[in-house]
Each structure stands twice: as C-alpha cells, then as structure tokens.
Protein backbone atom coordinates (compact mmCIF):
# COMPACT_ATOMS: atom_id res chain seq x y z
CA MET A 1 85.02 103.45 99.69
CA SER A 2 83.48 106.40 97.86
CA GLU A 3 81.37 106.02 94.75
CA VAL A 4 82.73 106.76 91.28
CA LYS A 5 80.56 108.86 89.00
CA ILE A 6 80.28 107.51 85.48
CA SER A 7 78.08 108.36 82.49
CA ALA A 8 76.38 105.61 80.49
CA GLU A 9 74.59 105.43 77.18
CA PRO A 10 71.35 103.53 76.55
CA ARG A 11 72.02 100.34 74.57
CA THR A 12 69.62 99.37 71.82
CA GLU A 13 71.70 96.71 70.00
CA PHE A 14 71.77 93.23 71.50
CA GLY A 15 73.29 89.86 70.67
CA LYS A 16 76.92 89.07 69.86
CA GLY A 17 77.05 91.45 66.90
CA GLY A 18 75.68 94.36 68.89
CA ALA A 19 78.05 93.64 71.78
CA ARG A 20 81.06 93.57 69.42
CA ARG A 21 80.08 96.92 67.91
CA THR A 22 79.64 98.38 71.39
CA ARG A 23 83.11 97.24 72.43
CA ARG A 24 84.68 98.52 69.20
CA ALA A 25 83.24 101.94 70.09
CA GLY A 26 85.22 101.90 73.35
CA LEU A 27 82.26 100.93 75.51
CA VAL A 28 81.40 97.99 77.75
CA PRO A 29 77.94 96.34 77.39
CA ALA A 30 76.17 96.29 80.74
CA VAL A 31 72.78 95.71 82.35
CA LEU A 32 71.49 97.60 85.39
CA TYR A 33 68.82 95.97 87.57
CA GLY A 34 67.51 95.43 91.09
CA HIS A 35 65.12 96.88 93.70
CA GLY A 36 62.14 95.91 91.55
CA GLU A 37 63.28 98.06 88.63
CA ALA A 38 63.07 96.77 85.07
CA PRO A 39 66.51 95.88 83.69
CA VAL A 40 68.16 98.74 81.79
CA HIS A 41 70.67 97.88 79.07
CA ILE A 42 73.49 100.40 79.00
CA ALA A 43 77.02 100.90 77.69
CA LEU A 44 79.81 102.13 79.99
CA PRO A 45 82.98 103.98 78.91
CA ALA A 46 85.59 101.21 78.94
CA ARG A 47 88.59 103.26 80.09
CA GLU A 48 86.76 104.96 82.95
CA PHE A 49 85.23 101.71 84.13
CA ALA A 50 88.57 99.85 84.00
CA ALA A 51 90.34 102.66 85.89
CA ALA A 52 87.69 102.62 88.62
CA ILE A 53 87.98 98.83 89.07
CA ARG A 54 91.80 99.03 89.19
CA HIS A 55 91.61 101.68 91.89
CA GLY A 56 88.63 100.52 93.96
CA GLY A 57 88.51 96.79 93.27
CA LEU A 58 85.65 94.57 92.14
CA ASN A 59 83.34 95.96 94.85
CA GLN A 60 83.58 99.56 93.65
CA VAL A 61 80.25 101.41 93.93
CA PHE A 62 79.26 103.54 90.94
CA THR A 63 76.94 106.49 90.55
CA ILE A 64 75.61 105.86 87.06
CA ASP A 65 74.03 108.67 85.07
CA VAL A 66 72.31 107.27 81.98
CA VAL A 67 71.97 109.77 79.13
CA GLY A 68 68.27 110.63 78.82
CA GLY A 69 67.47 108.83 82.07
CA ASN A 70 65.72 109.94 85.23
CA GLY A 71 68.72 110.78 87.37
CA ALA A 72 71.76 109.01 88.78
CA THR A 73 71.61 105.49 90.21
CA LEU A 74 73.92 103.84 92.73
CA ALA A 75 75.07 100.41 91.56
CA LEU A 76 77.54 97.68 92.44
CA PRO A 77 79.14 95.19 90.01
CA LYS A 78 77.47 91.82 90.49
CA ALA A 79 79.20 89.89 87.70
CA ILE A 80 82.04 90.95 85.41
CA GLN A 81 83.06 89.05 82.28
CA ARG A 82 86.61 89.66 81.07
CA ASP A 83 88.61 88.57 78.06
CA PRO A 84 91.74 87.05 79.66
CA ILE A 85 93.78 87.38 76.47
CA LYS A 86 92.91 90.96 75.54
CA ASP A 87 92.50 91.95 79.22
CA THR A 88 89.30 93.81 78.37
CA TYR A 89 85.82 93.82 79.86
CA GLU A 90 83.22 91.90 77.86
CA HIS A 91 80.06 92.51 79.90
CA VAL A 92 79.04 93.81 83.32
CA ASP A 93 75.97 93.08 85.48
CA LEU A 94 75.27 95.96 87.86
CA ILE A 95 72.87 95.68 90.79
CA ILE A 96 71.14 98.77 92.15
CA VAL A 97 71.93 99.62 95.78
CA LYS A 98 70.69 102.26 98.20
CA ARG A 99 72.59 104.35 100.73
CA GLY A 100 72.39 102.68 104.14
CA GLU A 101 71.52 99.32 102.62
CA LYS A 102 73.59 96.29 103.64
CA VAL A 103 74.84 94.05 100.84
CA GLN A 104 76.78 90.78 100.71
CA VAL A 105 80.05 90.77 98.76
CA ASP A 106 83.19 88.65 98.42
CA VAL A 107 86.22 90.65 99.58
CA PRO A 108 89.80 89.72 98.56
CA ILE A 109 92.02 88.42 101.38
CA THR A 110 95.67 89.45 101.69
CA LEU A 111 97.93 87.35 103.93
CA VAL A 112 100.57 89.51 105.63
CA GLY A 113 103.64 88.60 107.66
CA GLU A 114 105.77 85.46 107.75
CA ALA A 115 104.80 82.13 109.29
CA ALA A 116 107.30 80.24 111.49
CA ARG A 117 110.45 78.85 109.88
CA ASN A 118 110.24 75.59 107.95
CA THR A 119 106.51 75.94 107.31
CA LEU A 120 104.33 76.32 104.24
CA VAL A 121 101.17 78.42 103.95
CA GLN A 122 98.29 76.92 101.98
CA ASN A 123 95.43 79.19 100.91
CA ASP A 124 92.00 77.57 100.95
CA SER A 125 90.20 80.76 99.91
CA ASN A 126 91.35 84.04 98.38
CA THR A 127 88.13 85.85 99.31
CA LEU A 128 85.86 86.18 102.33
CA SER A 129 82.11 86.66 102.06
CA VAL A 130 80.94 89.55 104.26
CA THR A 131 77.96 91.85 104.74
CA ALA A 132 78.45 95.60 104.99
CA GLU A 133 76.78 98.91 104.20
CA ALA A 134 76.87 99.51 100.46
CA MET A 135 78.83 102.76 100.76
CA HIS A 136 81.38 101.34 103.22
CA LEU A 137 82.50 98.09 101.60
CA PRO A 138 86.10 97.06 102.37
CA SER A 139 88.25 96.80 99.24
CA SER A 140 90.36 94.05 100.86
CA ILE A 141 90.94 92.38 104.23
CA GLU A 142 94.38 91.71 105.70
CA VAL A 143 95.00 88.55 107.71
CA SER A 144 98.23 88.19 109.70
CA ILE A 145 100.13 84.90 109.59
CA GLU A 146 103.14 86.29 111.46
CA GLY A 147 104.92 83.58 113.46
CA LEU A 148 102.19 80.97 113.05
CA GLU A 149 103.37 77.41 113.65
CA ALA A 150 102.67 74.26 111.62
CA GLY A 151 99.23 72.85 112.32
CA THR A 152 97.60 76.27 112.72
CA GLN A 153 94.33 76.92 110.90
CA ILE A 154 93.12 80.42 110.08
CA THR A 155 89.34 80.58 110.02
CA ALA A 156 86.84 83.32 109.21
CA GLY A 157 86.22 83.76 112.93
CA ASP A 158 89.89 84.69 113.44
CA VAL A 159 89.70 87.65 111.04
CA GLN A 160 89.57 91.18 112.43
CA LEU A 161 86.81 92.78 110.35
CA PRO A 162 86.42 96.53 109.77
CA THR A 163 83.79 98.29 111.87
CA GLY A 164 80.31 97.71 110.46
CA THR A 165 81.35 94.58 108.54
CA GLU A 166 79.96 91.16 109.46
CA LEU A 167 80.77 87.61 108.36
CA ALA A 168 78.44 86.06 105.79
CA VAL A 169 79.98 82.60 106.28
CA ALA A 170 80.36 80.26 109.25
CA ALA A 171 83.07 81.22 111.75
CA ASP A 172 84.83 77.86 111.15
CA PHE A 173 85.19 78.51 107.41
CA VAL A 174 88.89 77.79 106.70
CA ILE A 175 90.84 80.51 104.91
CA ALA A 176 94.36 79.06 105.18
CA PHE A 177 96.42 76.63 107.19
CA ILE A 178 100.08 76.22 108.06
CA THR A 179 101.88 72.94 107.36
CA GLN A 180 105.35 71.64 108.10
CA ALA A 181 107.76 72.01 105.19
CA GLN A 182 109.64 68.89 104.11
CA THR A 183 113.34 68.80 104.91
CA ALA A 184 115.91 68.18 102.16
CA GLU A 185 116.44 64.67 103.56
CA GLN A 186 112.72 63.90 103.40
CA MET A 187 112.51 65.13 99.83
CA GLU A 188 115.55 63.05 98.78
CA GLY A 189 114.20 60.00 100.58
CA GLY A 190 110.98 60.20 98.57
CA ASP A 191 112.83 60.31 95.24
CA ALA A 192 112.74 56.70 94.08
CA GLU A 193 113.66 57.53 90.50
CA GLY A 194 117.28 58.22 91.35
CA ALA A 195 117.74 54.98 93.31
CA GLU A 196 120.18 52.39 91.95
CA PRO A 197 118.75 49.01 90.84
CA ALA A 198 118.95 46.19 93.40
CA GLU A 199 121.83 43.72 93.07
CA GLY A 200 121.16 40.97 90.54
CA THR A 201 118.65 42.96 88.51
CA GLU A 202 119.04 44.65 85.17
CA PRO A 203 117.97 48.22 84.45
CA ALA A 204 114.71 48.41 82.48
CA ALA A 205 115.12 48.83 78.75
CA SER A 206 114.23 52.26 77.44
C-alpha cells in the first residue's frame, strides 16, 4: 500500500463548537501524535480523506503536510469517529510512523469460496490483528472456506499471510467455524407453536 499525500491546516479552535465549525468548512478535526512528538491539532480536507479511506481502507498511510509546519509526516489512522447517519467523519486520531517501522493493525478478513453443502458459516471475527512494516500493510486478508465440512474451525494459524506480515494474536484464535445446517424436517419439528392442542384440552383464550 502506497501512502496518500494530503495537506492539513493547523487547528486553533477546540471543543464541540470549534469542531462543528471545522466540519462545516469541509474539514475533519484530527490530532497527530507519536514518536515522542507533542500532539498537533490539525484539520484534514474531508473529501480527500474520505476518498483515501474508501480506496485504501482504514489502514491507509498518509503523508501529511501541515501548512506552516516543518515538513511532511507519515501517519496512520489510529481511531476514526464517524457519524453513522450522515456518513461523515467526525474526528481522526493519527499516529506518526516511520519507514521500515513495524506496526500492529487490525486487517479486515474476507471469506472466499463455498463451504460444503448443508452447512452454515459463522464468523467469530471480521478482522485479524497482525504486525507488518508500516509502508506494506495489507488492506485485507482473504481466507478460503471452499469445501469445508461441518465441524471445521478456521483459526489465525490457518491463514496464509502476505510476505512480511506476522500474527499479533495466538495461532488458535478462532476466526470462523462451519456448522451443520438444520434440515427442513428438523426446523418443522422444533416449531411447537403450530402444533394442535392435545385431545381433551381447550385452546388458550386470547
């Protein structure tokens, strides 16, 4: 994954009122910190930031150039607050990273393929915690469930990781498991509501 260059403005207004005015101006309030540096409060262009996240995912690395600052800084989103109704970004925490440095991130998991017939796939986790070089973070990890039979567990140790990527969780961490699907007869047999009342009894009054 390559970094995305983005310009940022220094932010001098704080609190809810200041954050609202920042967002109304088409910017996202953010804070940049890490590597012993004092936190820097900045505002990111909302459209550019949203486009970068859509394309590169939540682990997109940014080269941030703060107006009036001392040069560009590499940073990775650490926490992103979104408004689920407006689908806008409310605030972003960015952590400074260095080229060659290894960082721990949660990478989305995509299950691919079809399990065996008459089975159900249950996801225990939609992400996998891994460690990788900051400039080579995987945007997602595919896990095949093709042909897996009921009773099969998929653990972190089963995942084929990209070169240079290591697990940050135990190998027995469960990602998903395959269960036997109920037959139509089993589902009907468990439906007591449709059963007729026993002989000699009256239906309950409604």
